[in-house]
Amino acid sequence: MSDIKVDQELDCRGLGCPLPVLKTKKAVGTMASGQVLRMVCTDPGSNKDMPSWSERTGNPILKSEEQSGEYIWYVQVK
């Protein structure tokens, strides 16, 4: 279990590129600065897409992990 306080969860399981990133962008847009979004997806492409999106937007990825074919991302709103 993570020690990161999560403010919002986003389930993107079963969605292919670029939907996990687009839904993450939309969710982050509704959140306050400093809050944390936990996004779960099954798209292996997220390993390239999420860091690239994070760098472009300035929303840092606090942690990422892979469990049983699921990719879990903890994104802090800038």
PDB file of N, CA and C in Angstrom:
ATOM      1  N   MET A   1       0.851  -1.194   0.000  1.00  0.00           N
ATOM      2  CA  MET A   1       0.000   0.000   0.000  1.00  0.00           C
ATOM      3  C   MET A   1       0.885   1.243   0.000  1.00  0.00           C
ATOM      4  N   SER A   2       0.449   2.237  -0.712  1.00  0.00           N
ATOM      5  CA  SER A   2       1.245   3.450  -0.841  1.00  0.00           C
ATOM      6  C   SER A   2       0.992   4.407   0.319  1.00  0.00           C
ATOM      7  N   ASP A   3       2.010   5.189   0.655  1.00  0.00           N
ATOM      8  CA  ASP A   3       1.841   6.187   1.711  1.00  0.00           C
ATOM      9  C   ASP A   3       1.474   7.544   1.119  1.00  0.00           C
ATOM     10  N   ILE A   4       1.178   7.570  -0.172  1.00  0.00           N
ATOM     11  CA  ILE A   4       0.775   8.805  -0.834  1.00  0.00           C
ATOM     12  C   ILE A   4      -0.718   9.020  -0.607  1.00  0.00           C
ATOM     13  N   LYS A   5      -1.073  10.220  -0.165  1.00  0.00           N
ATOM     14  CA  LYS A   5      -2.491  10.548   0.045  1.00  0.00           C
ATOM     15  C   LYS A   5      -3.123  10.842  -1.312  1.00  0.00           C
ATOM     16  N   VAL A   6      -4.118  10.039  -1.674  1.00  0.00           N
ATOM     17  CA  VAL A   6      -4.770  10.178  -2.975  1.00  0.00           C
ATOM     18  C   VAL A   6      -6.073  10.957  -2.807  1.00  0.00           C
ATOM     19  N   ASP A   7      -6.243  11.994  -3.639  1.00  0.00           N
ATOM     20  CA  ASP A   7      -7.452  12.819  -3.580  1.00  0.00           C
ATOM     21  C   ASP A   7      -8.521  12.361  -4.561  1.00  0.00           C
ATOM     22  N   GLN A   8      -8.088  11.738  -5.661  1.00  0.00           N
ATOM     23  CA  GLN A   8      -9.049  11.286  -6.666  1.00  0.00           C
ATOM     24  C   GLN A   8      -8.503  10.054  -7.371  1.00  0.00           C
ATOM     25  N   GLU A   9      -9.416   9.133  -7.711  1.00  0.00           N
ATOM     26  CA  GLU A   9      -9.044   7.904  -8.422  1.00  0.00           C
ATOM     27  C   GLU A   9      -9.608   7.971  -9.837  1.00  0.00           C
ATOM     28  N   LEU A  10      -8.846   7.444 -10.791  1.00  0.00           N
ATOM     29  CA  LEU A  10      -9.289   7.398 -12.179  1.00  0.00           C
ATOM     30  C   LEU A  10      -9.014   6.005 -12.727  1.00  0.00           C
ATOM     31  N   ASP A  11     -10.066   5.328 -13.170  1.00  0.00           N
ATOM     32  CA  ASP A  11      -9.943   3.970 -13.703  1.00  0.00           C
ATOM     33  C   ASP A  11      -9.946   4.022 -15.226  1.00  0.00           C
ATOM     34  N   CYS A  12      -8.809   3.743 -15.827  1.00  0.00           N
ATOM     35  CA  CYS A  12      -8.691   3.727 -17.289  1.00  0.00           C
ATOM     36  C   CYS A  12      -8.389   2.328 -17.806  1.00  0.00           C
ATOM     37  N   ARG A  13      -8.735   1.300 -17.023  1.00  0.00           N
ATOM     38  CA  ARG A  13      -8.491  -0.084 -17.446  1.00  0.00           C
ATOM     39  C   ARG A  13      -9.244  -0.371 -18.746  1.00  0.00           C
ATOM     40  N   GLY A  14      -8.550  -1.035 -19.657  1.00  0.00           N
ATOM     41  CA  GLY A  14      -9.183  -1.425 -20.917  1.00  0.00           C
ATOM     42  C   GLY A  14      -9.143  -0.352 -21.986  1.00  0.00           C
ATOM     43  N   LEU A  15      -8.672   0.844 -21.652  1.00  0.00           N
ATOM     44  CA  LEU A  15      -8.609   1.918 -22.634  1.00  0.00           C
ATOM     45  C   LEU A  15      -7.224   1.948 -23.271  1.00  0.00           C
ATOM     46  N   GLY A  16      -7.192   2.163 -24.580  1.00  0.00           N
ATOM     47  CA  GLY A  16      -5.921   2.243 -25.285  1.00  0.00           C
ATOM     48  C   GLY A  16      -5.477   3.682 -25.465  1.00  0.00           C
ATOM     49  N   CYS A  17      -4.239   3.822 -25.860  1.00  0.00           N
ATOM     50  CA  CYS A  17      -3.646   5.125 -26.152  1.00  0.00           C
ATOM     51  C   CYS A  17      -4.517   5.847 -27.180  1.00  0.00           C
ATOM     52  N   PRO A  18      -4.779   7.129 -27.033  1.00  0.00           N
ATOM     53  CA  PRO A  18      -4.267   8.049 -26.015  1.00  0.00           C
ATOM     54  C   PRO A  18      -5.257   8.306 -24.876  1.00  0.00           C
ATOM     55  N   LEU A  19      -6.282   7.467 -24.745  1.00  0.00           N
ATOM     56  CA  LEU A  19      -7.355   7.761 -23.777  1.00  0.00           C
ATOM     57  C   LEU A  19      -6.893   7.881 -22.323  1.00  0.00           C
ATOM     58  N   PRO A  20      -6.010   7.013 -21.815  1.00  0.00           N
ATOM     59  CA  PRO A  20      -5.591   7.207 -20.416  1.00  0.00           C
ATOM     60  C   PRO A  20      -4.983   8.589 -20.153  1.00  0.00           C
ATOM     61  N   VAL A  21      -4.163   9.072 -21.082  1.00  0.00           N
ATOM     62  CA  VAL A  21      -3.557  10.396 -20.910  1.00  0.00           C
ATOM     63  C   VAL A  21      -4.613  11.494 -21.031  1.00  0.00           C
ATOM     64  N   LEU A  22      -5.518  11.365 -21.995  1.00  0.00           N
ATOM     65  CA  LEU A  22      -6.559  12.382 -22.171  1.00  0.00           C
ATOM     66  C   LEU A  22      -7.467  12.462 -20.946  1.00  0.00           C
ATOM     67  N   LYS A  23      -7.842  11.299 -20.407  1.00  0.00           N
ATOM     68  CA  LYS A  23      -8.703  11.289 -19.216  1.00  0.00           C
ATOM     69  C   LYS A  23      -7.953  11.812 -17.992  1.00  0.00           C
ATOM     70  N   THR A  24      -6.646  11.523 -17.918  1.00  0.00           N
ATOM     71  CA  THR A  24      -5.834  12.055 -16.825  1.00  0.00           C
ATOM     72  C   THR A  24      -5.789  13.578 -16.910  1.00  0.00           C
ATOM     73  N   LYS A  25      -5.564  14.089 -18.109  1.00  0.00           N
ATOM     74  CA  LYS A  25      -5.512  15.543 -18.317  1.00  0.00           C
ATOM     75  C   LYS A  25      -6.826  16.195 -17.883  1.00  0.00           C
ATOM     76  N   LYS A  26      -7.947  15.572 -18.267  1.00  0.00           N
ATOM     77  CA  LYS A  26      -9.261  16.116 -17.923  1.00  0.00           C
ATOM     78  C   LYS A  26      -9.475  16.096 -16.400  1.00  0.00           C
ATOM     79  N   ALA A  27      -9.114  14.987 -15.757  1.00  0.00           N
ATOM     80  CA  ALA A  27      -9.286  14.863 -14.306  1.00  0.00           C
ATOM     81  C   ALA A  27      -8.425  15.872 -13.558  1.00  0.00           C
ATOM     82  N   VAL A  28      -7.163  16.008 -13.982  1.00  0.00           N
ATOM     83  CA  VAL A  28      -6.246  16.947 -13.335  1.00  0.00           C
ATOM     84  C   VAL A  28      -6.789  18.376 -13.438  1.00  0.00           C
ATOM     85  N   GLY A  29      -7.454  18.662 -14.552  1.00  0.00           N
ATOM     86  CA  GLY A  29      -8.027  19.989 -14.764  1.00  0.00           C
ATOM     87  C   GLY A  29      -9.132  20.355 -13.778  1.00  0.00           C
ATOM     88  N   THR A  30      -9.704  19.351 -13.111  1.00  0.00           N
ATOM     89  CA  THR A  30     -10.790  19.615 -12.151  1.00  0.00           C
ATOM     90  C   THR A  30     -10.276  19.653 -10.712  1.00  0.00           C
ATOM     91  N   MET A  31      -8.976  19.429 -10.539  1.00  0.00           N
ATOM     92  CA  MET A  31      -8.417  19.298  -9.194  1.00  0.00           C
ATOM     93  C   MET A  31      -7.622  20.538  -8.794  1.00  0.00           C
ATOM     94  N   ALA A  32      -7.424  20.693  -7.490  1.00  0.00           N
ATOM     95  CA  ALA A  32      -6.678  21.833  -6.962  1.00  0.00           C
ATOM     96  C   ALA A  32      -5.180  21.531  -6.956  1.00  0.00           C
ATOM     97  N   SER A  33      -4.393  22.584  -7.009  1.00  0.00           N
ATOM     98  CA  SER A  33      -2.939  22.454  -6.968  1.00  0.00           C
ATOM     99  C   SER A  33      -2.514  21.695  -5.713  1.00  0.00           C
ATOM    100  N   GLY A  34      -1.600  20.724  -5.904  1.00  0.00           N
ATOM    101  CA  GLY A  34      -1.108  19.944  -4.776  1.00  0.00           C
ATOM    102  C   GLY A  34      -1.850  18.639  -4.549  1.00  0.00           C
ATOM    103  N   GLN A  35      -3.048  18.516  -5.120  1.00  0.00           N
ATOM    104  CA  GLN A  35      -3.801  17.277  -4.956  1.00  0.00           C
ATOM    105  C   GLN A  35      -3.172  16.164  -5.793  1.00  0.00           C
ATOM    106  N   VAL A  36      -3.504  14.917  -5.444  1.00  0.00           N
ATOM    107  CA  VAL A  36      -2.911  13.757  -6.115  1.00  0.00           C
ATOM    108  C   VAL A  36      -4.003  12.900  -6.763  1.00  0.00           C
ATOM    109  N   LEU A  37      -3.754  12.562  -8.026  1.00  0.00           N
ATOM    110  CA  LEU A  37      -4.635  11.681  -8.792  1.00  0.00           C
ATOM    111  C   LEU A  37      -3.952  10.320  -8.908  1.00  0.00           C
ATOM    112  N   ARG A  38      -4.702   9.263  -8.616  1.00  0.00           N
ATOM    113  CA  ARG A  38      -4.213   7.896  -8.831  1.00  0.00           C
ATOM    114  C   ARG A  38      -4.936   7.365 -10.061  1.00  0.00           C
ATOM    115  N   MET A  39      -4.158   7.115 -11.111  1.00  0.00           N
ATOM    116  CA  MET A  39      -4.734   6.617 -12.358  1.00  0.00           C
ATOM    117  C   MET A  39      -4.255   5.185 -12.578  1.00  0.00           C
ATOM    118  N   VAL A  40      -5.210   4.295 -12.865  1.00  0.00           N
ATOM    119  CA  VAL A  40      -4.891   2.887 -13.134  1.00  0.00           C
ATOM    120  C   VAL A  40      -5.292   2.581 -14.570  1.00  0.00           C
ATOM    121  N   CYS A  41      -4.357   1.983 -15.328  1.00  0.00           N
ATOM    122  CA  CYS A  41      -4.691   1.600 -16.702  1.00  0.00           C
ATOM    123  C   CYS A  41      -4.015   0.275 -17.047  1.00  0.00           C
ATOM    124  N   THR A  42      -4.412  -0.285 -18.178  1.00  0.00           N
ATOM    125  CA  THR A  42      -3.835  -1.554 -18.637  1.00  0.00           C
ATOM    126  C   THR A  42      -3.041  -1.357 -19.921  1.00  0.00           C
ATOM    127  N   ASP A  43      -2.854  -0.120 -20.335  1.00  0.00           N
ATOM    128  CA  ASP A  43      -2.163   0.193 -21.581  1.00  0.00           C
ATOM    129  C   ASP A  43      -0.658   0.309 -21.346  1.00  0.00           C
ATOM    130  N   PRO A  44       0.148  -0.657 -21.876  1.00  0.00           N
ATOM    131  CA  PRO A  44       1.597  -0.569 -21.673  1.00  0.00           C
ATOM    132  C   PRO A  44       2.205   0.690 -22.291  1.00  0.00           C
ATOM    133  N   GLY A  45       1.515   1.289 -23.255  1.00  0.00           N
ATOM    134  CA  GLY A  45       1.981   2.537 -23.864  1.00  0.00           C
ATOM    135  C   GLY A  45       2.042   3.685 -22.868  1.00  0.00           C
ATOM    136  N   SER A  46       1.339   3.529 -21.742  1.00  0.00           N
ATOM    137  CA  SER A  46       1.348   4.596 -20.728  1.00  0.00           C
ATOM    138  C   SER A  46       2.751   4.798 -20.153  1.00  0.00           C
ATOM    139  N   ASN A  47       3.605   3.765 -20.251  1.00  0.00           N
ATOM    140  CA  ASN A  47       4.975   3.899 -19.741  1.00  0.00           C
ATOM    141  C   ASN A  47       5.771   4.961 -20.496  1.00  0.00           C
ATOM    142  N   LYS A  48       5.406   5.212 -21.745  1.00  0.00           N
ATOM    143  CA  LYS A  48       6.032   6.295 -22.505  1.00  0.00           C
ATOM    144  C   LYS A  48       5.170   7.562 -22.436  1.00  0.00           C
ATOM    145  N   ASP A  49       3.850   7.370 -22.557  1.00  0.00           N
ATOM    146  CA  ASP A  49       2.936   8.515 -22.663  1.00  0.00           C
ATOM    147  C   ASP A  49       2.863   9.351 -21.391  1.00  0.00           C
ATOM    148  N   MET A  50       2.771   8.699 -20.239  1.00  0.00           N
ATOM    149  CA  MET A  50       2.595   9.451 -18.993  1.00  0.00           C
ATOM    150  C   MET A  50       3.807  10.314 -18.634  1.00  0.00           C
ATOM    151  N   PRO A  51       5.043   9.773 -18.671  1.00  0.00           N
ATOM    152  CA  PRO A  51       6.194  10.642 -18.383  1.00  0.00           C
ATOM    153  C   PRO A  51       6.306  11.815 -19.365  1.00  0.00           C
ATOM    154  N   SER A  52       6.000  11.552 -20.625  1.00  0.00           N
ATOM    155  CA  SER A  52       6.050  12.604 -21.638  1.00  0.00           C
ATOM    156  C   SER A  52       5.009  13.689 -21.329  1.00  0.00           C
ATOM    157  N   TRP A  53       3.786  13.269 -21.000  1.00  0.00           N
ATOM    158  CA  TRP A  53       2.722  14.219 -20.643  1.00  0.00           C
ATOM    159  C   TRP A  53       3.107  15.008 -19.392  1.00  0.00           C
ATOM    160  N   SER A  54       3.661  14.317 -18.404  1.00  0.00           N
ATOM    161  CA  SER A  54       4.070  14.949 -17.154  1.00  0.00           C
ATOM    162  C   SER A  54       5.100  16.050 -17.411  1.00  0.00           C
ATOM    163  N   GLU A  55       6.076  15.741 -18.244  1.00  0.00           N
ATOM    164  CA  GLU A  55       7.123  16.710 -18.568  1.00  0.00           C
ATOM    165  C   GLU A  55       6.543  17.916 -19.308  1.00  0.00           C
ATOM    166  N   ARG A  56       5.634  17.638 -20.233  1.00  0.00           N
ATOM    167  CA  ARG A  56       5.024  18.703 -21.041  1.00  0.00           C
ATOM    168  C   ARG A  56       4.156  19.633 -20.204  1.00  0.00           C
ATOM    169  N   THR A  57       3.419  19.063 -19.248  1.00  0.00           N
ATOM    170  CA  THR A  57       2.433  19.854 -18.494  1.00  0.00           C
ATOM    171  C   THR A  57       2.952  20.367 -17.161  1.00  0.00           C
ATOM    172  N   GLY A  58       4.050  19.771 -16.663  1.00  0.00           N
ATOM    173  CA  GLY A  58       4.582  20.200 -15.369  1.00  0.00           C
ATOM    174  C   GLY A  58       3.882  19.570 -14.181  1.00  0.00           C
ATOM    175  N   ASN A  59       2.994  18.593 -14.419  1.00  0.00           N
ATOM    176  CA  ASN A  59       2.344  17.861 -13.324  1.00  0.00           C
ATOM    177  C   ASN A  59       3.228  16.661 -12.991  1.00  0.00           C
ATOM    178  N   PRO A  60       3.920  16.686 -11.836  1.00  0.00           N
ATOM    179  CA  PRO A  60       4.892  15.628 -11.549  1.00  0.00           C
ATOM    180  C   PRO A  60       4.252  14.272 -11.242  1.00  0.00           C
ATOM    181  N   ILE A  61       4.925  13.219 -11.693  1.00  0.00           N
ATOM    182  CA  ILE A  61       4.537  11.856 -11.329  1.00  0.00           C
ATOM    183  C   ILE A  61       5.282  11.532 -10.042  1.00  0.00           C
ATOM    184  N   LEU A  62       4.536  11.326  -8.957  1.00  0.00           N
ATOM    185  CA  LEU A  62       5.144  11.035  -7.664  1.00  0.00           C
ATOM    186  C   LEU A  62       5.641   9.604  -7.603  1.00  0.00           C
ATOM    187  N   LYS A  63       4.893   8.718  -8.288  1.00  0.00           N
ATOM    188  CA  LYS A  63       5.223   7.298  -8.217  1.00  0.00           C
ATOM    189  C   LYS A  63       4.494   6.589  -9.351  1.00  0.00           C
ATOM    190  N   SER A  64       5.113   5.528  -9.843  1.00  0.00           N
ATOM    191  CA  SER A  64       4.418   4.660 -10.798  1.00  0.00           C
ATOM    192  C   SER A  64       4.792   3.229 -10.461  1.00  0.00           C
ATOM    193  N   GLU A  65       3.848   2.335 -10.669  1.00  0.00           N
ATOM    194  CA  GLU A  65       4.115   0.929 -10.386  1.00  0.00           C
ATOM    195  C   GLU A  65       3.314   0.052 -11.334  1.00  0.00           C
ATOM    196  N   GLU A  66       3.752  -1.183 -11.456  1.00  0.00           N
ATOM    197  CA  GLU A  66       3.045  -2.156 -12.282  1.00  0.00           C
ATOM    198  C   GLU A  66       2.698  -3.350 -11.422  1.00  0.00           C
ATOM    199  N   GLN A  67       1.414  -3.731 -11.467  1.00  0.00           N
ATOM    200  CA  GLN A  67       0.940  -4.889 -10.698  1.00  0.00           C
ATOM    201  C   GLN A  67      -0.003  -5.699 -11.572  1.00  0.00           C
ATOM    202  N   SER A  68       0.351  -6.928 -11.831  1.00  0.00           N
ATOM    203  CA  SER A  68      -0.520  -7.857 -12.577  1.00  0.00           C
ATOM    204  C   SER A  68      -1.041  -7.256 -13.877  1.00  0.00           C
ATOM    205  N   GLY A  69      -0.157  -6.629 -14.644  1.00  0.00           N
ATOM    206  CA  GLY A  69      -0.576  -6.077 -15.928  1.00  0.00           C
ATOM    207  C   GLY A  69      -1.300  -4.749 -15.833  1.00  0.00           C
ATOM    208  N   GLU A  70      -1.361  -4.181 -14.646  1.00  0.00           N
ATOM    209  CA  GLU A  70      -1.967  -2.856 -14.475  1.00  0.00           C
ATOM    210  C   GLU A  70      -0.860  -1.852 -14.164  1.00  0.00           C
ATOM    211  N   TYR A  71      -0.988  -0.680 -14.762  1.00  0.00           N
ATOM    212  CA  TYR A  71      -0.021   0.390 -14.557  1.00  0.00           C
ATOM    213  C   TYR A  71      -0.683   1.446 -13.684  1.00  0.00           C
ATOM    214  N   ILE A  72      -0.039   1.776 -12.582  1.00  0.00           N
ATOM    215  CA  ILE A  72      -0.629   2.688 -11.609  1.00  0.00           C
ATOM    216  C   ILE A  72       0.258   3.928 -11.526  1.00  0.00           C
ATOM    217  N   TRP A  73      -0.373   5.072 -11.693  1.00  0.00           N
ATOM    218  CA  TRP A  73       0.337   6.353 -11.735  1.00  0.00           C
ATOM    219  C   TRP A  73      -0.209   7.272 -10.658  1.00  0.00           C
ATOM    220  N   TYR A  74       0.687   7.908  -9.929  1.00  0.00           N
ATOM    221  CA  TYR A  74       0.313   8.905  -8.935  1.00  0.00           C
ATOM    222  C   TYR A  74       0.808  10.259  -9.456  1.00  0.00           C
ATOM    223  N   VAL A  75      -0.135  11.111  -9.831  1.00  0.00           N
ATOM    224  CA  VAL A  75       0.197  12.398 -10.445  1.00  0.00           C
ATOM    225  C   VAL A  75      -0.222  13.525  -9.507  1.00  0.00           C
ATOM    226  N   GLN A  76       0.714  14.416  -9.235  1.00  0.00           N
ATOM    227  CA  GLN A  76       0.385  15.579  -8.401  1.00  0.00           C
ATOM    228  C   GLN A  76       0.049  16.743  -9.318  1.00  0.00           C
ATOM    229  N   VAL A  77      -1.011  17.449  -8.969  1.00  0.00           N
ATOM    230  CA  VAL A  77      -1.427  18.602  -9.758  1.00  0.00           C
ATOM    231  C   VAL A  77      -0.485  19.756  -9.455  1.00  0.00           C
ATOM    232  N   LYS A  78       0.012  20.391 -10.512  1.00  0.00           N
ATOM    233  CA  LYS A  78       0.978  21.479 -10.307  1.00  0.00           C
ATOM    234  C   LYS A  78       0.312  22.714  -9.760  1.00  0.00           C
TER     235      LYS A  78
END
